[in-house]
């Protein structure tokens, strides 16, 4: 294993588009994963999940119900998601994402998968970086978010991007060893089975490729942690109510951040999934961390 990216070949697309309607333009494909509906909620519950519980924010819910609850949150906030990101972070999220792109090592001709990519901030930049010989897939489990990202990128003229409705836990539409680079930005904390998602990411990544996980994390200074908690549980629901008329969804987002694994735990989870040379970089005092691992 090396920590160097392999340049993608100009081989066939890593997912099947044979069933698409004739004449579907490039950049408008949508492929549904197995056992899903168009709202992104699974129609079949694995037998192993029956009777199990997990967290939805600070609440305990049946594992089988979490995806639908998360879907409701993002259906509600999709239309004003970018505006709220700017307001909540005071624009700093753009610097966090820029740093992620810097460490991505993305090159022309590569295949990139942006998981839970939502409105397409990263995919838009990757589209430019991989060029006409490369391919970018913007993937999300939530159709409302994916539609916003698709419209935005098509309006920007990104003709080398495909849009795929997919569950991060299985990444079912994608073949093994399909991508040179995988990114998931502020999405992993919403995944029910994070270990399964990391294993799926390892599966679809080419040998020598890299995974970047950009996510809210644990502040490294106790005074900052207290200030951050006060801000999260007061300002975020207030802004959510003011801008989207939905305080509850932003209360969940604040709670989901607190329930997400800390920096060292997530690094260990990546290593358990098979990733090597894993590291992480704290930003804004650990409020956000960028994890990186290689196959």
Protein backbone atom coordinates (compact mmCIF):
# COMPACT_ATOMS: atom_id res chain seq x y z
CA UNK A 1 0.00 0.00 0.00
CA UNK A 2 1.15 3.51 -0.74
CA UNK A 3 -0.29 6.85 0.23
CA UNK A 4 -0.22 7.95 -3.37
CA UNK A 5 -3.35 8.30 -5.47
CA UNK A 6 -3.71 6.11 -8.52
CA UNK A 7 -4.75 7.96 -11.66
CA UNK A 8 -8.14 6.75 -12.80
CA UNK A 9 -8.42 5.00 -16.09
CA UNK A 10 -11.02 6.08 -18.61
CA UNK A 11 -12.96 2.88 -18.05
CA UNK A 12 -16.70 2.38 -17.86
CA UNK A 13 -18.74 4.22 -15.28
CA UNK A 14 -18.58 2.52 -11.84
CA UNK A 15 -22.36 2.09 -11.73
CA UNK A 16 -24.90 0.81 -14.17
CA UNK A 17 -26.71 3.43 -16.23
CA UNK A 18 -27.99 0.98 -18.83
CA UNK A 19 -31.56 1.33 -17.56
CA UNK A 20 -31.64 5.09 -18.01
CA UNK A 21 -34.15 6.51 -20.46
CA UNK A 22 -32.74 7.00 -23.95
CA UNK A 23 -31.29 10.44 -24.48
CA UNK A 24 -30.68 11.19 -20.79
CA UNK A 25 -27.97 13.87 -20.83
CA UNK A 26 -24.71 13.33 -19.00
CA UNK A 27 -24.84 14.90 -15.58
CA UNK A 28 -28.48 13.98 -15.01
CA UNK A 29 -28.28 10.27 -14.25
CA UNK A 30 -29.83 8.97 -11.09
CA UNK A 31 -29.38 5.37 -10.04
CA UNK A 32 -31.38 3.98 -7.14
CA UNK A 33 -29.75 1.52 -4.74
CA UNK A 34 -31.37 -1.81 -4.12
CA UNK A 35 -34.41 -1.94 -1.80
CA UNK A 36 -34.96 1.83 -1.73
CA UNK A 37 -37.72 4.25 -2.49
CA UNK A 38 -37.16 7.66 -4.03
CA UNK A 39 -37.35 9.31 -0.61
CA UNK A 40 -34.16 7.52 0.36
CA UNK A 41 -35.77 5.36 3.06
CA UNK A 42 -35.21 1.62 2.85
CA UNK A 43 -38.26 -0.51 2.24
CA UNK A 44 -36.72 -3.61 3.82
CA UNK A 45 -35.42 -3.74 7.35
CA UNK A 46 -32.52 -6.14 7.94
CA UNK A 47 -33.50 -8.88 10.34
CA UNK A 48 -30.54 -8.00 12.56
CA UNK A 49 -32.01 -4.52 13.16
CA UNK A 50 -35.36 -5.74 14.47
CA UNK A 51 -35.68 -4.80 18.13
CA UNK A 52 -32.42 -2.82 18.16
CA UNK A 53 -32.21 0.84 19.18
CA UNK A 54 -29.91 3.71 18.33
CA UNK A 55 -29.69 7.44 18.98
CA UNK A 56 -31.47 10.18 17.07
CA UNK A 57 -29.88 13.22 18.61
CA UNK A 58 -30.31 12.67 22.35
CA UNK A 59 -33.36 10.44 21.85
CA UNK A 60 -33.32 6.65 21.72
CA UNK A 61 -35.26 5.30 18.73
CA UNK A 62 -35.65 1.94 16.98
CA UNK A 63 -32.71 1.45 14.61
CA UNK A 64 -35.12 0.79 11.75
CA UNK A 65 -36.71 4.23 12.24
CA UNK A 66 -33.61 6.43 12.24
CA UNK A 67 -33.15 6.76 8.48
CA UNK A 68 -36.71 8.01 8.04
CA UNK A 69 -36.29 10.52 10.88
CA UNK A 70 -33.03 11.85 9.44
CA UNK A 71 -34.71 12.02 6.01
CA UNK A 72 -37.47 14.22 7.48
CA UNK A 73 -34.86 16.62 8.84
CA UNK A 74 -33.11 17.08 5.50
CA UNK A 75 -36.31 17.22 3.46
CA UNK A 76 -37.27 20.11 5.74
CA UNK A 77 -34.02 22.06 5.50
CA UNK A 78 -32.87 21.29 1.93
CA UNK A 79 -34.12 24.48 0.27
CA UNK A 80 -32.20 26.77 2.64
CA UNK A 81 -29.38 24.43 3.61
CA UNK A 82 -26.58 26.54 2.10
CA UNK A 83 -27.90 29.77 3.61
CA UNK A 84 -28.11 28.17 7.05
CA UNK A 85 -24.57 26.80 6.73
CA UNK A 86 -23.27 30.30 6.06
CA UNK A 87 -25.22 31.76 8.98
CA UNK A 88 -24.43 29.00 11.48
CA UNK A 89 -20.69 28.93 10.76
CA UNK A 90 -20.37 32.61 9.85
CA UNK A 91 -18.94 31.42 6.54
CA UNK A 92 -16.11 29.41 8.12
CA UNK A 93 -17.44 26.15 6.62
CA UNK A 94 -16.03 27.32 3.30
CA UNK A 95 -12.52 27.39 4.80
CA UNK A 96 -12.99 23.92 6.28
CA UNK A 97 -14.02 22.55 2.88
CA UNK A 98 -11.17 24.35 1.14
CA UNK A 99 -8.70 22.65 3.48
CA UNK A 100 -10.32 19.28 2.70
CA UNK A 101 -9.89 19.89 -1.02
CA UNK A 102 -6.24 20.82 -0.44
CA UNK A 103 -5.59 17.49 1.28
CA UNK A 104 -7.61 15.48 -1.25
CA UNK A 105 -4.75 15.24 -3.74
CA UNK A 106 -7.35 15.19 -6.51
CA UNK A 107 -5.91 15.11 -10.05
CA UNK A 108 -7.15 15.27 -13.61
CA UNK A 109 -8.70 12.10 -14.96
CA UNK A 110 -9.64 10.70 -11.56
CA UNK A 111 -12.96 9.26 -10.38
CA UNK A 112 -14.34 10.94 -7.25
CA UNK A 113 -17.32 9.97 -5.07
CA UNK A 114 -18.75 12.66 -2.79
CA UNK A 115 -20.96 10.76 -0.32
CA UNK A 116 -23.81 12.59 1.41
CA UNK A 117 -22.72 15.46 -0.82
CA UNK A 118 -26.01 17.32 -0.55
CA UNK A 119 -25.89 20.65 -2.33
CA UNK A 120 -22.59 19.88 -4.04
CA UNK A 121 -20.01 22.28 -2.58
CA UNK A 122 -17.17 19.79 -2.88
CA UNK A 123 -18.43 18.10 -6.05
CA UNK A 124 -18.44 21.41 -7.87
CA UNK A 125 -14.74 21.94 -7.17
CA UNK A 126 -13.86 18.32 -7.93
CA UNK A 127 -15.67 18.62 -11.26
CA UNK A 128 -13.24 21.32 -12.29
CA UNK A 129 -10.18 19.57 -10.89
CA UNK A 130 -10.70 16.17 -12.58
CA UNK A 131 -11.44 17.76 -15.96
CA UNK A 132 -13.15 16.29 -18.99
CA UNK A 133 -11.37 12.94 -18.65
CA UNK A 134 -12.43 12.50 -15.02
CA UNK A 135 -15.76 11.76 -13.36
CA UNK A 136 -17.44 12.97 -10.19
CA UNK A 137 -20.42 11.32 -8.53
CA UNK A 138 -22.54 13.40 -6.17
CA UNK A 139 -24.32 10.91 -3.92
CA UNK A 140 -26.89 11.38 -1.17
CA UNK A 141 -29.56 9.25 0.49
CA UNK A 142 -31.95 12.21 0.62
CA UNK A 143 -33.68 13.06 -2.67
CA UNK A 144 -34.50 16.64 -1.67
CA UNK A 145 -30.86 17.41 -0.97
CA UNK A 146 -29.70 15.63 -4.11
CA UNK A 147 -32.14 17.59 -6.24
CA UNK A 148 -30.79 20.88 -4.88
CA UNK A 149 -27.22 19.77 -5.63
CA UNK A 150 -28.11 18.55 -9.12
CA UNK A 151 -29.81 21.81 -10.06
CA UNK A 152 -26.93 23.83 -8.69
CA UNK A 153 -24.21 21.88 -10.51
CA UNK A 154 -26.07 21.69 -13.80
CA UNK A 155 -26.61 25.45 -13.66
CA UNK A 156 -22.85 25.79 -13.13
CA UNK A 157 -22.17 23.76 -16.28
CA UNK A 158 -20.68 20.72 -14.54
CA UNK A 159 -21.12 18.17 -17.32
CA UNK A 160 -18.82 15.52 -15.83
CA UNK A 161 -20.93 14.91 -12.71
CA UNK A 162 -23.46 12.12 -12.11
CA UNK A 163 -26.12 12.23 -9.39
CA UNK A 164 -26.88 9.03 -7.53
CA UNK A 165 -29.34 8.33 -4.74
CA UNK A 166 -27.44 5.94 -2.49
CA UNK A 167 -27.23 4.72 1.09
CA UNK A 168 -23.78 5.32 2.58
CA UNK A 169 -24.07 2.09 4.58
CA UNK A 170 -24.02 -0.06 1.43
CA UNK A 171 -23.07 2.18 -1.53
CA UNK A 172 -24.99 -0.48 -3.46
CA UNK A 173 -24.90 1.17 -6.91
CA UNK A 174 -21.09 1.18 -7.02
CA UNK A 175 -18.69 -1.59 -7.97
CA UNK A 176 -15.63 -2.58 -5.94
CA UNK A 177 -12.52 -0.43 -6.41
CA UNK A 178 -14.28 2.20 -8.52
CA UNK A 179 -12.97 5.50 -7.13
CA UNK A 180 -9.64 7.21 -6.57
CA UNK A 181 -11.05 9.56 -3.93
CA UNK A 182 -14.00 9.41 -1.53
CA UNK A 183 -15.24 12.34 0.52
CA UNK A 184 -18.04 12.67 3.05
CA UNK A 185 -18.58 16.16 4.43
CA UNK A 186 -20.79 16.70 7.49
CA UNK A 187 -22.72 13.54 6.68
CA UNK A 188 -21.19 10.64 8.61
CA UNK A 189 -22.77 11.66 11.91
CA UNK A 190 -26.22 11.13 10.38
CA UNK A 191 -25.45 7.55 9.28
CA UNK A 192 -27.02 4.90 11.51
CA UNK A 193 -24.32 2.22 11.10
CA UNK A 194 -21.08 4.13 10.69
CA UNK A 195 -18.94 1.00 10.77
CA UNK A 196 -20.90 -0.48 7.85
CA UNK A 197 -20.53 2.80 5.95
CA UNK A 198 -16.76 2.85 6.45
CA UNK A 199 -16.50 -0.76 5.24
CA UNK A 200 -18.49 0.13 2.13
CA UNK A 201 -16.25 3.12 1.49
CA UNK A 202 -13.22 0.87 1.72
CA UNK A 203 -14.83 -1.56 -0.72
CA UNK A 204 -15.45 0.99 -3.50
CA UNK A 205 -12.10 2.74 -3.13
CA UNK A 206 -9.23 1.78 -5.45
CA UNK A 207 -5.96 0.53 -3.93
CA UNK A 208 -3.85 3.58 -3.17
CA UNK A 209 -6.93 5.82 -3.03
CA UNK A 210 -7.90 7.97 -0.10
CA UNK A 211 -10.93 8.74 2.05
CA UNK A 212 -11.57 12.16 3.58
CA UNK A 213 -14.13 12.57 6.36
CA UNK A 214 -14.92 16.19 7.22
CA UNK A 215 -17.14 16.33 10.28
CA UNK A 216 -17.99 18.21 13.44
CA UNK A 217 -15.95 16.82 16.31
CA UNK A 218 -14.93 17.51 19.92
CA UNK A 219 -13.36 20.87 20.89
CA UNK A 220 -9.94 20.35 22.42
CA UNK A 221 -10.23 23.22 24.93
CA UNK A 222 -12.79 22.99 27.74
CA UNK A 223 -13.69 26.74 27.74
CA UNK A 224 -14.31 26.57 23.97
CA UNK A 225 -16.45 23.46 24.47
CA UNK A 226 -18.73 25.28 26.92
CA UNK A 227 -19.12 28.28 24.61
CA UNK A 228 -19.77 25.99 21.68
CA UNK A 229 -22.47 24.10 23.60
CA UNK A 230 -24.19 27.35 24.54
CA UNK A 231 -24.12 28.51 20.92
CA UNK A 232 -25.26 25.18 19.51
CA UNK A 233 -28.27 24.71 21.75
CA UNK A 234 -29.49 28.31 21.67
CA UNK A 235 -28.42 30.00 18.44
CA UNK A 236 -28.89 27.05 16.07
CA UNK A 237 -32.55 26.33 16.95
CA UNK A 238 -33.24 30.10 16.94
CA UNK A 239 -31.76 30.50 13.45
CA UNK A 240 -33.59 27.39 12.30
CA UNK A 241 -36.89 28.82 13.47
CA UNK A 242 -36.15 32.24 11.99
CA UNK A 243 -34.91 31.12 8.56
CA UNK A 244 -36.62 27.77 7.91
CA UNK A 245 -39.45 27.82 10.47
CA UNK A 246 -38.00 24.58 11.82
CA UNK A 247 -36.22 24.85 15.17
CA UNK A 248 -36.53 21.13 15.89
CA UNK A 249 -34.40 20.01 12.95
CA UNK A 250 -31.56 22.27 14.04
CA UNK A 251 -31.90 21.10 17.61
CA UNK A 252 -31.38 17.58 16.25
CA UNK A 253 -28.32 18.74 14.29
CA UNK A 254 -26.78 20.16 17.47
CA UNK A 255 -27.52 16.94 19.36
CA UNK A 256 -26.17 14.74 16.56
CA UNK A 257 -22.84 16.57 16.77
CA UNK A 258 -22.56 15.71 20.46
CA UNK A 259 -23.33 12.04 19.78
CA UNK A 260 -20.71 11.69 17.03
CA UNK A 261 -17.48 9.81 17.89
CA UNK A 262 -14.55 11.97 18.92
CA UNK A 263 -11.40 12.31 16.86
CA UNK A 264 -9.49 9.31 18.22
CA UNK A 265 -12.52 7.02 18.17
CA UNK A 266 -13.30 7.81 14.53
CA UNK A 267 -9.66 7.24 13.59
CA UNK A 268 -9.84 3.80 15.24
CA UNK A 269 -13.09 3.03 13.40
CA UNK A 270 -11.43 3.85 10.08
CA UNK A 271 -8.49 1.59 10.91
CA UNK A 272 -10.86 -1.24 11.87
CA UNK A 273 -12.56 -0.85 8.47
CA UNK A 274 -9.18 -1.46 6.81
CA UNK A 275 -7.86 2.05 6.13
CA UNK A 276 -4.15 2.64 6.65
CA UNK A 277 -1.97 5.65 7.52
CA UNK A 278 -5.02 7.28 9.13
CA UNK A 279 -4.67 10.73 10.63
CA UNK A 280 -6.80 13.74 11.47
CA UNK A 281 -6.46 17.50 11.53
CA UNK A 282 -8.35 19.64 14.04
CA UNK A 283 -9.78 22.91 12.79
CA UNK A 284 -11.25 25.82 14.77
CA UNK A 285 -10.08 24.28 18.03
CA UNK A 286 -11.47 20.83 17.23
CA UNK A 287 -15.00 21.99 16.48
CA UNK A 288 -14.38 20.34 13.11
CA UNK A 289 -11.89 17.61 12.23
CA UNK A 290 -10.72 16.27 8.88
CA UNK A 291 -9.91 12.56 9.00
CA UNK A 292 -7.89 10.92 6.23
CA UNK A 293 -7.19 7.29 5.46
CA UNK A 294 -5.71 5.29 2.56
CA UNK A 295 -6.40 1.91 1.01
